[in-house]
Protein backbone atom coordinates (compact mmCIF):
# COMPACT_ATOMS: atom_id res chain seq x y z
CA MET A 1 103.46 83.02 104.64
CA THR A 2 102.33 79.77 103.88
CA LEU A 3 101.88 78.83 99.83
CA LYS A 4 98.33 78.70 100.67
CA LYS A 5 97.92 82.15 101.72
CA LEU A 6 99.86 83.73 98.88
CA THR A 7 98.07 81.84 96.31
CA VAL A 8 94.49 82.98 97.75
CA LEU A 9 96.27 86.57 97.81
CA ALA A 10 97.30 86.47 94.20
CA MET A 11 93.90 85.02 93.17
CA LEU A 12 91.93 87.90 95.49
CA THR A 13 94.50 90.67 93.54
CA ALA A 14 93.76 88.69 90.46
CA ILE A 15 89.76 89.12 91.25
CA TYR A 16 90.20 92.81 92.26
CA VAL A 17 91.73 93.61 88.71
CA VAL A 18 89.01 92.06 86.60
CA LEU A 19 86.00 93.48 88.85
CA SER A 20 87.99 97.19 88.18
CA VAL A 21 87.62 96.26 84.52
CA LEU A 22 84.79 94.16 84.16
CA THR A 23 81.89 95.93 86.98
CA PRO A 24 82.18 99.71 86.54
CA ILE A 25 79.01 101.46 85.96
CA LYS A 26 80.70 105.33 85.34
CA VAL A 27 78.95 108.87 85.29
CA ILE A 28 81.25 111.73 85.13
CA ASN A 29 83.28 111.43 88.25
CA PHE A 30 81.16 108.75 89.80
CA LYS A 31 82.12 104.86 89.49
CA PHE A 32 80.17 102.07 91.20
CA THR A 33 81.84 98.62 91.31
CA LEU A 34 82.26 95.26 93.16
CA GLU A 35 86.30 96.26 93.17
CA ALA A 36 86.01 96.46 96.91
CA PHE A 37 85.00 92.68 97.59
CA PRO A 38 88.62 90.94 97.24
CA ILE A 39 90.04 93.59 99.42
CA LEU A 40 87.34 92.66 102.29
CA VAL A 41 87.83 89.15 102.02
CA ALA A 42 91.66 89.51 102.40
CA GLY A 43 91.18 92.32 105.32
CA LEU A 44 88.57 89.95 107.29
CA LEU A 45 89.71 86.62 106.19
CA MET A 46 93.68 87.12 106.64
CA GLY A 47 94.03 90.83 108.52
CA PRO A 48 95.10 93.78 107.89
CA TYR A 49 98.11 93.53 106.23
CA GLU A 50 96.89 90.56 103.47
CA GLY A 51 94.09 93.36 103.13
CA LEU A 52 96.09 96.33 102.37
CA LEU A 53 98.38 93.77 100.21
CA VAL A 54 95.28 92.99 97.82
CA GLY A 55 94.42 96.59 97.65
CA LEU A 56 97.69 97.85 96.86
CA LEU A 57 98.69 95.17 94.56
CA GLY A 58 94.98 95.19 92.18
CA SER A 59 94.74 98.59 92.23
CA GLY A 60 98.23 99.71 91.53
CA ILE A 61 98.02 96.59 88.31
CA TYR A 62 94.60 98.63 87.00
CA GLN A 63 95.36 101.77 87.74
CA VAL A 64 99.07 101.38 85.58
CA LEU A 65 97.43 99.20 82.73
CA PHE A 66 94.10 99.66 82.37
CA SER A 67 92.84 103.03 84.10
CA SER A 68 94.30 104.45 80.94
CA TYR A 69 96.34 107.17 82.94
CA GLY A 70 99.57 105.09 83.51
CA ILE A 71 101.95 106.36 85.69
CA THR A 72 101.34 109.79 86.93
CA PRO A 73 102.10 112.39 89.76
CA THR A 74 98.82 111.11 91.56
CA THR A 75 98.68 107.77 90.67
CA ILE A 76 99.63 106.65 94.42
CA LEU A 77 96.65 109.08 95.54
CA TRP A 78 94.19 106.73 93.54
CA MET A 79 95.86 103.81 94.83
CA LEU A 80 95.46 104.55 98.73
CA PRO A 81 91.88 104.43 98.89
CA HIS A 82 92.30 100.68 98.17
CA PHE A 83 95.19 99.86 100.08
CA PHE A 84 94.01 101.95 103.07
CA SER A 85 90.76 99.93 103.17
CA GLY A 86 91.77 97.00 102.94
CA PHE A 87 94.18 97.62 106.17
CA LEU A 88 91.30 98.96 108.00
CA CYS A 89 88.97 96.20 107.15
CA GLY A 90 91.77 93.40 108.90
CA VAL A 91 92.40 95.97 112.09
CA LEU A 92 88.49 96.24 112.60
CA ALA A 93 87.52 92.73 111.41
CA ARG A 94 90.48 91.59 114.12
CA LYS A 95 88.56 94.08 116.85
CA ALA A 96 85.54 92.94 116.20
CA GLY A 97 86.14 89.09 116.63
CA ASN A 98 83.25 87.03 115.28
CA LEU A 99 81.82 87.81 112.20
CA THR A 100 78.12 88.44 112.40
CA THR A 101 76.44 89.86 109.09
CA VAL A 102 75.90 93.43 111.21
CA LYS A 103 79.69 93.50 112.26
CA VAL A 104 80.50 92.85 108.11
CA ILE A 105 78.22 95.52 107.56
CA ILE A 106 79.41 97.99 110.02
CA ILE A 107 83.11 97.42 108.79
CA ALA A 108 82.48 97.47 105.29
CA THR A 109 80.59 100.63 105.75
CA ILE A 110 83.64 102.04 107.43
CA CYS A 111 85.60 100.78 104.85
CA ALA A 112 83.39 102.06 101.60
CA PHE A 113 82.95 105.54 103.47
CA SER A 114 86.90 105.76 104.14
CA VAL A 115 87.26 104.89 100.31
CA THR A 116 84.95 107.71 99.38
CA LEU A 117 86.55 110.55 101.76
CA LEU A 118 89.88 109.37 100.04
CA ASN A 119 89.06 109.34 96.01
CA THR A 120 87.26 112.76 96.82
CA LEU A 121 90.69 114.01 98.81
CA ALA A 122 92.65 111.99 95.66
CA LEU A 123 89.94 113.76 92.96
CA TYR A 124 90.43 117.03 94.61
CA VAL A 125 94.51 117.56 94.13
CA ASP A 126 94.23 116.04 90.93
CA SER A 127 91.88 118.16 90.09
CA LYS A 128 94.27 121.83 91.44
CA LEU A 129 96.74 119.58 90.23
CA TYR A 130 95.69 119.43 86.33
CA GLY A 131 93.61 122.85 86.75
CA TYR A 132 90.63 121.07 86.12
CA TYR A 133 88.90 122.23 89.69
CA SER A 134 85.11 121.99 89.94
CA ALA A 135 83.76 122.33 93.04
CA LYS A 136 80.67 120.19 91.17
CA LEU A 137 83.13 117.66 89.88
CA VAL A 138 84.68 116.69 93.21
CA PHE A 139 81.75 117.11 95.89
CA GLY A 140 78.90 117.32 93.52
CA THR A 141 78.43 113.16 93.83
CA LEU A 142 79.38 112.73 97.09
CA LEU A 143 75.91 111.82 98.95
CA LEU A 144 75.33 109.69 96.38
CA LYS A 145 78.83 107.58 96.85
CA PHE A 146 77.97 107.38 100.66
CA ALA A 147 74.49 105.87 99.47
CA ALA A 148 76.21 103.36 97.08
CA GLY A 149 79.51 102.47 99.69
CA PHE A 150 76.27 101.80 101.94
CA ILE A 151 74.11 99.25 99.39
CA LEU A 152 77.12 97.80 98.53
CA SER A 153 78.06 97.16 102.24
CA VAL A 154 75.15 95.43 102.68
CA LEU A 155 74.77 93.63 100.28
CA TYR A 156 78.54 92.43 100.62
CA ALA A 157 77.64 91.58 104.12
CA LEU A 158 74.53 89.39 103.04
CA ILE A 159 77.47 87.09 101.26
CA LEU A 160 80.92 87.14 103.23
CA PRO A 161 79.95 86.12 106.66
CA LYS A 162 79.23 82.87 105.25
CA LEU A 163 82.31 83.17 102.45
CA ILE A 164 85.09 83.83 105.01
CA ALA A 165 83.73 81.29 107.18
CA GLN A 166 83.88 78.97 104.58
CA LEU A 167 87.77 80.27 103.28
CA LYS A 168 89.12 79.65 106.77
CA LYS A 169 88.88 75.99 106.79
CA ILE A 170 91.35 76.60 103.42
CA VAL A 171 93.28 78.88 104.15
CA ARG A 172 94.48 77.99 107.77
C-alpha cells in the first residue's frame, strides 16, 4: 500500500468519525447520518479491503470514543454493518466496472440495505442480551430506515461518480 493510499484511508476514516459525531438525527432507534459516505468512497475508489478498513476503523473509533457505550460484548455487532458495507461496496464496484450514476445508486442502495439489516440484527441481539427487547423497538422503524437508505443512496450517487473520477487521479 502506498503512502498516498494510506493517507487517503486515514482521512476517510477521520471523516467517517466526524460525520458520525456531527451529522446524526436520532429518534429512538432510528439514526439518520452521513457516515456511510467515506465508506462508499473507499470501497468505490480503492476496493473491498480498503472499504472494510475505513468501516472497521471508523466505526470502532466512534463506538469506543463517542457512542457513550464504550466497549461492550456487542460492540463488534455494532461495527459489523459498517465494515461489511465497505467490503461489499468494494466487491460490487469491482464487478460493476465503470461507475455510472445508476450503478452507484444500486451499489449504495445495496450497501445501505445491508447496513440496515445488520444494524437491526445488532439491535435485536443487544436488546435480548440486555433485556430491553420490544418488537416495536427493534422492527418498528425498519421501513423508515430502508427509505432513508435509498434516499441517501440517490443523493450519494449524484456526487460520487464525479468525485471518484477526480480522486482516482490523485490516489493511483
